[in-house]
Amino acid sequence: MATEDDPERWYCTNLVGLSSSLLASTAFNRHPRSLCIHGTRAANPGLFRLLESCRAQDEAAEVFQHYMALQFNLADSRREAGETGYRSSSYVELLRGWGFDSSSPQGAVLKGWVESRFGLLPVFHGERLERFPSPAWVRYLEEKYHSRFHNNCIQLQLDMLYEYCQWSLARFGDGSRNTAGHVSLWRGSNDCECQLVEGRLRDGCCVMRLNNLVSFSSRPDAAEVFGDWLLQAAVPHAKMLLFPGLLADPVLRSEGEYLVIGGCYEVDTHRGWPH
């Protein structure tokens, strides 16, 4: 039975107008609904007017990058960093940090944003996040609130990235040939048994509770280097934060990486991938 020190009993904020328990469920993944972060598009009508004139994803990516640079003074922050050592935080910097290590301070900020906007708690950051308090939880909380990454409306930047991603998926798709509304993606993992919710890995299909933000790949050969087990899941567009080609910056493109809001997923499991 869950107790008060079990994080699953905690209250979490949610800005998408749908219960967090539903968002975390396999039922939502099977029958997804469009999501929007309250107030983000209304507060940035100029961006979405400009995007509507774009005829291709690469054109939209340039528009988004330029708008974000002006809105958050990101171009000048790079110059100031060289002159003063101070640098304003940016969404691209967080994504780069995630690419090096998803359990980095940048990864904690991204997981904290998912917590705040979707109400989904992380289950892993360097180690399993279980009962509270614990050293693992203390480290996560310290890193997700680190002032180094909260000096330039970083939560709003991520809100805009999500809304831009959702706009792009609705307008251009993600460039794959997958079923409308879902993309079949791959993830390599060794840390599987502790994520099981229903079924067994060796049965070829099961339900797993993934972290609140996870990386997937469009290619099984790229995913298999990250673990002995290959997980294949149908990921709804509504749970995507980033897909290859979304941004003009080449961040996270090398493995065809997608950043996906987590929760419980029905996955097909493969012990390695036959070449």
Protein backbone atom coordinates (compact mmCIF):
# COMPACT_ATOMS: atom_id res chain seq x y z
CA MET A 1 0.00 0.00 0.00
CA ALA A 2 1.28 3.48 -0.88
CA THR A 3 2.29 5.68 2.05
CA GLU A 4 2.68 9.43 2.47
CA ASP A 5 6.41 9.20 1.65
CA ASP A 6 5.64 7.51 -1.67
CA PRO A 7 6.07 10.12 -4.44
CA GLU A 8 3.18 8.58 -6.39
CA ARG A 9 0.83 10.08 -3.78
CA TRP A 10 2.19 13.59 -4.20
CA TYR A 11 0.15 16.35 -5.74
CA CYS A 12 1.61 17.76 -8.95
CA THR A 13 0.63 20.82 -10.94
CA ASN A 14 -0.76 20.33 -14.41
CA LEU A 15 -1.22 22.97 -17.12
CA VAL A 16 -2.71 20.87 -19.93
CA GLY A 17 -6.26 20.40 -18.65
CA LEU A 18 -6.19 16.61 -18.43
CA SER A 19 -5.61 14.52 -15.32
CA SER A 20 -2.04 13.40 -14.76
CA SER A 21 -3.16 9.83 -14.09
CA LEU A 22 -4.79 9.71 -17.53
CA LEU A 23 -1.75 11.26 -19.21
CA ALA A 24 0.45 8.59 -17.64
CA SER A 25 -1.77 5.73 -18.78
CA THR A 26 -1.62 3.33 -21.70
CA ALA A 27 -5.23 4.31 -22.43
CA PHE A 28 -4.11 7.83 -23.33
CA ASN A 29 -1.38 6.45 -25.58
CA ARG A 30 -3.88 4.28 -27.43
CA HIS A 31 -6.42 7.09 -27.80
CA PRO A 32 -4.49 10.36 -27.45
CA ARG A 33 -5.95 13.84 -27.36
CA SER A 34 -4.29 17.03 -28.49
CA LEU A 35 -2.69 18.91 -25.60
CA CYS A 36 -1.72 22.52 -25.12
CA ILE A 37 0.06 24.27 -22.27
CA HIS A 38 -2.36 26.85 -20.95
CA GLY A 39 -1.71 30.39 -22.17
CA THR A 40 1.42 29.75 -24.22
CA ARG A 41 0.03 30.29 -27.71
CA ALA A 42 -2.19 33.15 -26.57
CA ALA A 43 0.88 34.92 -25.12
CA ASN A 44 2.88 34.51 -28.35
CA PRO A 45 0.49 35.16 -31.25
CA GLY A 46 3.26 36.73 -33.34
CA LEU A 47 5.25 33.50 -33.46
CA PHE A 48 2.33 31.41 -34.66
CA ARG A 49 1.32 34.02 -37.25
CA LEU A 50 4.84 33.84 -38.67
CA LEU A 51 4.82 30.03 -38.60
CA GLU A 52 1.58 29.89 -40.58
CA SER A 53 3.39 31.41 -43.57
CA CYS A 54 6.04 28.65 -43.59
CA ARG A 55 5.84 26.06 -46.38
CA ALA A 56 8.35 23.52 -45.01
CA GLN A 57 9.75 22.33 -41.67
CA ASP A 58 13.22 23.80 -42.23
CA GLU A 59 11.66 27.21 -42.88
CA ALA A 60 9.60 26.94 -39.70
CA ALA A 61 12.72 25.93 -37.75
CA GLU A 62 14.51 29.11 -38.84
CA VAL A 63 11.51 31.23 -37.86
CA PHE A 64 11.30 29.60 -34.42
CA GLN A 65 15.02 29.98 -33.76
CA HIS A 66 14.99 33.65 -34.77
CA TYR A 67 11.89 34.40 -32.67
CA MET A 68 13.35 32.70 -29.59
CA ALA A 69 16.67 34.51 -30.00
CA LEU A 70 14.88 37.87 -30.05
CA GLN A 71 12.33 37.05 -27.35
CA PHE A 72 14.92 35.77 -24.85
CA ASN A 73 18.01 37.65 -26.01
CA LEU A 74 19.77 34.36 -26.71
CA ALA A 75 22.16 35.68 -29.37
CA ASP A 76 23.54 38.37 -27.04
CA SER A 77 23.82 35.90 -24.17
CA ARG A 78 26.47 33.97 -26.10
CA ARG A 79 28.53 37.14 -26.55
CA GLU A 80 28.09 38.11 -22.90
CA ALA A 81 29.24 34.66 -21.80
CA GLY A 82 32.55 35.24 -23.53
CA GLU A 83 32.96 38.69 -21.98
CA THR A 84 31.68 38.17 -18.43
CA GLY A 85 31.43 34.44 -17.85
CA TYR A 86 27.68 34.88 -17.27
CA ARG A 87 25.29 33.12 -19.62
CA SER A 88 21.53 33.23 -19.78
CA SER A 89 19.92 29.80 -19.79
CA SER A 90 18.39 28.56 -23.04
CA TYR A 91 16.30 25.62 -24.22
CA VAL A 92 19.08 24.55 -26.62
CA GLU A 93 21.61 24.47 -23.79
CA LEU A 94 19.30 22.16 -21.82
CA LEU A 95 18.87 19.85 -24.81
CA ARG A 96 22.63 19.67 -25.32
CA GLY A 97 23.12 18.82 -21.65
CA TRP A 98 20.51 16.07 -21.94
CA GLY A 99 22.39 14.69 -24.95
CA PHE A 100 25.55 14.29 -22.86
CA ASP A 101 23.77 12.89 -19.80
CA SER A 102 20.04 12.73 -19.10
CA SER A 103 20.89 12.68 -15.36
CA SER A 104 22.78 15.98 -15.60
CA PRO A 105 21.51 19.21 -13.99
CA GLN A 106 20.10 20.16 -17.41
CA GLY A 107 18.24 16.85 -17.44
CA ALA A 108 16.84 17.61 -13.98
CA VAL A 109 15.48 20.96 -15.22
CA LEU A 110 13.80 19.24 -18.18
CA LYS A 111 12.27 16.57 -15.92
CA GLY A 112 11.14 19.33 -13.55
CA TRP A 113 9.40 21.08 -16.44
CA VAL A 114 7.48 17.87 -17.28
CA GLU A 115 6.55 17.61 -13.59
CA SER A 116 5.25 21.16 -13.56
CA ARG A 117 3.36 21.14 -16.87
CA PHE A 118 2.09 17.54 -17.13
CA GLY A 119 2.08 16.45 -13.48
CA LEU A 120 4.27 13.40 -14.11
CA LEU A 121 6.95 12.71 -11.52
CA PRO A 122 10.35 11.35 -12.55
CA VAL A 123 11.28 7.82 -11.49
CA PHE A 124 15.00 8.02 -12.24
CA HIS A 125 17.74 10.64 -11.99
CA GLY A 126 21.17 9.08 -11.65
CA GLU A 127 19.47 6.33 -9.64
CA ARG A 128 15.93 5.21 -8.84
CA LEU A 129 13.76 7.86 -7.19
CA GLU A 130 11.72 5.91 -4.65
CA ARG A 131 10.82 6.80 -1.09
CA PHE A 132 11.24 10.40 0.02
CA PRO A 133 13.40 11.75 1.56
CA SER A 134 16.49 10.11 0.15
CA PRO A 135 19.87 11.30 -1.19
CA ALA A 136 18.64 10.61 -4.74
CA TRP A 137 15.62 12.89 -4.30
CA VAL A 138 17.69 15.61 -2.65
CA ARG A 139 20.14 15.61 -5.55
CA TYR A 140 17.32 15.78 -8.10
CA LEU A 141 15.52 18.64 -6.30
CA GLU A 142 18.75 20.65 -5.91
CA GLU A 143 19.61 20.25 -9.58
CA LYS A 144 16.18 20.97 -11.01
CA TYR A 145 16.05 24.31 -9.13
CA HIS A 146 19.68 25.29 -9.80
CA SER A 147 19.84 29.05 -10.42
CA ARG A 148 22.31 28.51 -13.28
CA PHE A 149 19.42 27.23 -15.42
CA HIS A 150 16.58 29.42 -14.12
CA ASN A 151 17.70 32.91 -15.05
CA ASN A 152 15.90 33.46 -18.35
CA CYS A 153 12.27 32.27 -18.15
CA ILE A 154 13.45 28.76 -18.96
CA GLN A 155 10.08 27.17 -18.20
CA LEU A 156 8.40 29.50 -20.69
CA GLN A 157 11.07 28.66 -23.28
CA LEU A 158 10.25 24.97 -22.90
CA ASP A 159 6.52 25.71 -23.06
CA MET A 160 7.11 27.40 -26.40
CA LEU A 161 9.27 24.53 -27.64
CA TYR A 162 6.47 22.06 -26.85
CA GLU A 163 3.81 24.20 -28.53
CA TYR A 164 6.02 24.71 -31.58
CA CYS A 165 6.63 20.94 -31.74
CA GLN A 166 2.90 20.25 -31.61
CA TRP A 167 2.22 22.87 -34.28
CA SER A 168 4.90 21.33 -36.52
CA LEU A 169 3.55 17.81 -36.11
CA ALA A 170 0.06 18.96 -37.04
CA ARG A 171 1.32 20.95 -40.03
CA PHE A 172 4.19 18.87 -41.45
CA GLY A 173 4.35 15.61 -39.46
CA ASP A 174 7.67 14.32 -38.16
CA GLY A 175 9.04 13.18 -41.52
CA SER A 176 8.32 9.49 -40.89
CA ARG A 177 5.84 7.20 -42.59
CA ASN A 178 4.12 6.16 -39.39
CA THR A 179 0.40 6.04 -38.69
CA ALA A 180 -1.12 9.49 -38.29
CA GLY A 181 -1.02 10.57 -34.67
CA HIS A 182 1.58 7.96 -33.60
CA VAL A 183 5.20 7.18 -34.38
CA SER A 184 6.81 3.76 -33.89
CA LEU A 185 10.01 4.39 -31.94
CA TRP A 186 12.81 2.39 -30.30
CA ARG A 187 14.59 2.59 -26.98
CA GLY A 188 17.51 0.57 -25.63
CA SER A 189 17.61 -0.20 -21.90
CA ASN A 190 19.24 -2.39 -19.28
CA ASP A 191 17.14 -1.08 -16.40
CA CYS A 192 13.98 -2.95 -17.34
CA GLU A 193 12.77 -5.23 -14.55
CA CYS A 194 12.20 -2.35 -12.14
CA GLN A 195 10.11 -0.54 -14.76
CA LEU A 196 7.67 -3.43 -15.32
CA VAL A 197 4.02 -2.78 -14.55
CA GLU A 198 2.39 -5.74 -16.34
CA GLY A 199 3.72 -8.80 -18.15
CA ARG A 200 7.26 -10.12 -18.62
CA LEU A 201 10.08 -8.96 -20.84
CA ARG A 202 10.59 -12.41 -22.34
CA ASP A 203 6.96 -12.65 -23.42
CA GLY A 204 7.69 -10.11 -26.14
CA CYS A 205 5.25 -7.48 -24.88
CA CYS A 206 4.57 -5.82 -21.55
CA VAL A 207 3.64 -2.54 -19.90
CA MET A 208 6.50 -0.45 -18.50
CA ARG A 209 6.51 2.75 -16.49
CA LEU A 210 9.13 4.94 -18.14
CA ASN A 211 10.69 8.08 -16.72
CA ASN A 212 8.68 11.28 -17.06
CA LEU A 213 10.94 12.34 -19.95
CA VAL A 214 12.76 9.76 -22.07
CA SER A 215 14.74 9.49 -25.29
CA PHE A 216 13.64 7.26 -28.13
CA SER A 217 15.19 6.70 -31.54
CA SER A 218 13.67 6.27 -34.97
CA ARG A 219 16.19 3.47 -35.69
CA PRO A 220 16.62 0.18 -33.80
CA ASP A 221 20.33 0.03 -34.67
CA ALA A 222 20.85 3.41 -32.97
CA ALA A 223 18.79 2.43 -29.92
CA GLU A 224 20.45 -0.94 -29.29
CA VAL A 225 23.77 0.63 -28.22
CA PHE A 226 22.04 1.91 -25.05
CA GLY A 227 21.03 -1.46 -23.63
CA ASP A 228 20.56 -5.20 -24.05
CA TRP A 229 16.80 -4.90 -24.35
CA LEU A 230 15.15 -3.08 -27.24
CA LEU A 231 11.75 -1.57 -26.52
CA GLN A 232 9.43 -0.64 -29.38
CA ALA A 233 6.49 1.66 -28.64
CA ALA A 234 3.82 3.57 -30.53
CA VAL A 235 4.35 7.11 -29.22
CA PRO A 236 1.52 9.62 -29.68
CA HIS A 237 2.37 13.00 -31.18
CA ALA A 238 0.86 14.69 -28.12
CA LYS A 239 3.71 13.33 -25.99
CA MET A 240 6.54 14.63 -28.16
CA LEU A 241 8.79 17.52 -27.15
CA LEU A 242 11.43 17.13 -29.87
CA PHE A 243 11.90 15.16 -33.08
CA PRO A 244 14.73 15.18 -35.65
CA GLY A 245 14.57 18.26 -37.86
CA LEU A 246 12.30 20.26 -35.54
CA LEU A 247 15.08 22.76 -34.79
CA ALA A 248 17.56 24.55 -37.01
CA ASP A 249 20.24 23.65 -34.44
CA PRO A 250 21.46 20.05 -34.99
CA VAL A 251 21.11 19.20 -31.29
CA LEU A 252 20.22 15.51 -30.61
CA ARG A 253 20.05 14.59 -34.31
CA SER A 254 22.85 12.01 -34.43
CA GLU A 255 20.76 8.99 -33.37
CA GLY A 256 17.48 10.21 -34.83
CA GLU A 257 16.52 11.12 -31.26
CA TYR A 258 13.02 11.96 -30.08
CA LEU A 259 12.32 13.46 -26.64
CA VAL A 260 9.09 11.98 -25.32
CA ILE A 261 6.87 12.60 -22.31
CA GLY A 262 6.87 9.37 -20.31
CA GLY A 263 4.45 7.41 -18.16
CA CYS A 264 3.18 3.87 -18.77
CA TYR A 265 3.72 2.45 -22.25
CA GLU A 266 2.81 -0.81 -23.91
CA VAL A 267 6.06 -1.98 -25.48
CA ASP A 268 7.23 -4.83 -27.67
CA THR A 269 10.45 -6.22 -26.25
CA HIS A 270 13.41 -7.65 -28.14
CA ARG A 271 16.55 -9.16 -26.67
CA GLY A 272 18.97 -7.40 -29.02
CA TRP A 273 18.24 -6.70 -32.68
CA PRO A 274 19.03 -9.20 -35.45
CA HIS A 275 21.31 -7.71 -38.11
